[in-house]
Protein backbone atom coordinates (compact mmCIF):
# COMPACT_ATOMS: atom_id res chain seq x y z
CA MET A 1 -8.92 -11.95 -1.70
CA PRO A 2 -9.13 -10.74 -5.32
CA SER A 3 -8.15 -7.03 -5.85
CA SER A 4 -11.57 -6.19 -7.25
CA ASP A 5 -12.88 -6.88 -3.58
CA CYS A 6 -10.25 -4.72 -1.83
CA ASP A 7 -9.94 -1.02 -0.93
CA LEU A 8 -7.44 0.96 -2.94
CA ASP A 9 -4.99 2.31 -0.33
CA HIS A 10 -2.44 5.13 -0.49
CA VAL A 11 0.98 3.40 0.33
CA GLU A 12 2.31 7.06 1.20
CA PRO A 13 -0.52 9.00 2.93
CA PHE A 14 -1.60 12.26 1.37
CA ASP A 15 -0.21 15.12 3.10
CA HIS A 16 -3.35 17.45 3.63
CA ASP A 17 -1.19 20.27 5.25
CA GLU A 18 1.51 20.26 2.54
CA PRO A 19 -0.03 18.54 -0.56
CA LEU A 20 3.26 19.12 -2.77
CA LEU A 21 5.04 16.63 -0.35
CA GLY A 22 3.32 13.64 -1.86
CA GLY A 23 1.08 10.90 -1.13
CA TRP A 24 -0.87 11.60 -4.30
CA THR A 25 -3.49 9.27 -5.81
CA GLU A 26 -1.56 7.75 -8.69
CA LEU A 27 -0.80 4.12 -9.76
CA THR A 28 2.80 4.29 -8.15
CA ASN A 29 1.20 4.96 -4.77
CA LEU A 30 -1.91 2.73 -4.69
CA GLU A 31 -2.25 -0.79 -3.52
CA PRO A 32 -5.28 -3.13 -3.08
CA LEU A 33 -5.77 -3.95 0.74
CA CYS A 34 -8.79 -6.05 2.18
CA ARG A 35 -10.71 -3.96 4.60
CA THR A 36 -9.09 -5.51 7.66
CA HIS A 37 -5.60 -4.89 6.59
CA HIS A 38 -6.51 -1.48 5.39
CA ASN A 39 -7.85 -0.69 8.84
CA ASP A 40 -4.87 -2.25 10.55
CA LYS A 41 -2.60 -0.08 8.39
CA THR A 42 -4.60 3.08 9.14
CA ALA A 43 -4.37 2.14 13.02
CA GLY A 44 -0.51 1.97 12.52
CA LEU A 45 -0.30 -1.76 13.12
CA TRP A 46 0.98 -2.63 9.79
CA ARG A 47 3.60 -0.56 7.76
CA TYR A 48 3.73 -0.43 4.04
CA ARG A 49 6.50 1.11 1.78
CA MET A 50 6.51 1.29 -1.98
CA LEU A 51 9.75 0.15 -3.48
CA ASP A 52 10.75 0.31 -7.30
CA HIS A 53 8.78 -1.66 -9.93
CA GLY A 54 5.67 -1.70 -7.90
CA ILE A 55 7.09 -3.93 -5.15
CA VAL A 56 5.55 -3.17 -1.75
CA ALA A 57 7.56 -3.85 1.65
CA ILE A 58 5.27 -4.73 4.47
CA ARG A 59 6.07 -4.99 8.25
CA ASP A 60 3.54 -6.66 10.60
CA PRO A 61 3.06 -5.72 14.19
CA HIS A 62 5.60 -8.50 15.24
CA GLY A 63 8.24 -7.05 13.05
CA HIS A 64 7.98 -9.82 10.19
CA ARG A 65 8.73 -8.37 6.74
CA TYR A 66 6.89 -9.39 3.55
CA PHE A 67 7.21 -8.22 0.08
CA THR A 68 4.59 -8.31 -2.73
CA ALA A 69 5.09 -7.63 -6.34
CA PRO A 70 2.43 -6.86 -9.03
CA ASP A 71 1.41 -9.60 -11.47
CA ARG A 72 2.78 -8.92 -14.84
CA LEU A 73 0.53 -10.09 -17.88
CA GLU A 74 2.34 -11.15 -20.91
CA ARG A 75 0.59 -9.83 -24.11
């Protein structure tokens, strides 16, 4: 699904009780997720962790691991 049709999701959830602890809305903490995967993540079924260089580590409910990397456009 194209990113333009996705929800922007906070990889690290915003901490409403202690805002200085993180989860801020910034490019290094956002990823596009389709509505289904966004809801699954919110329900705790999928786990996401932001690594260096915009790589996201993902673990599904069965323990399988996936990695995504941002597309880089050459200019």
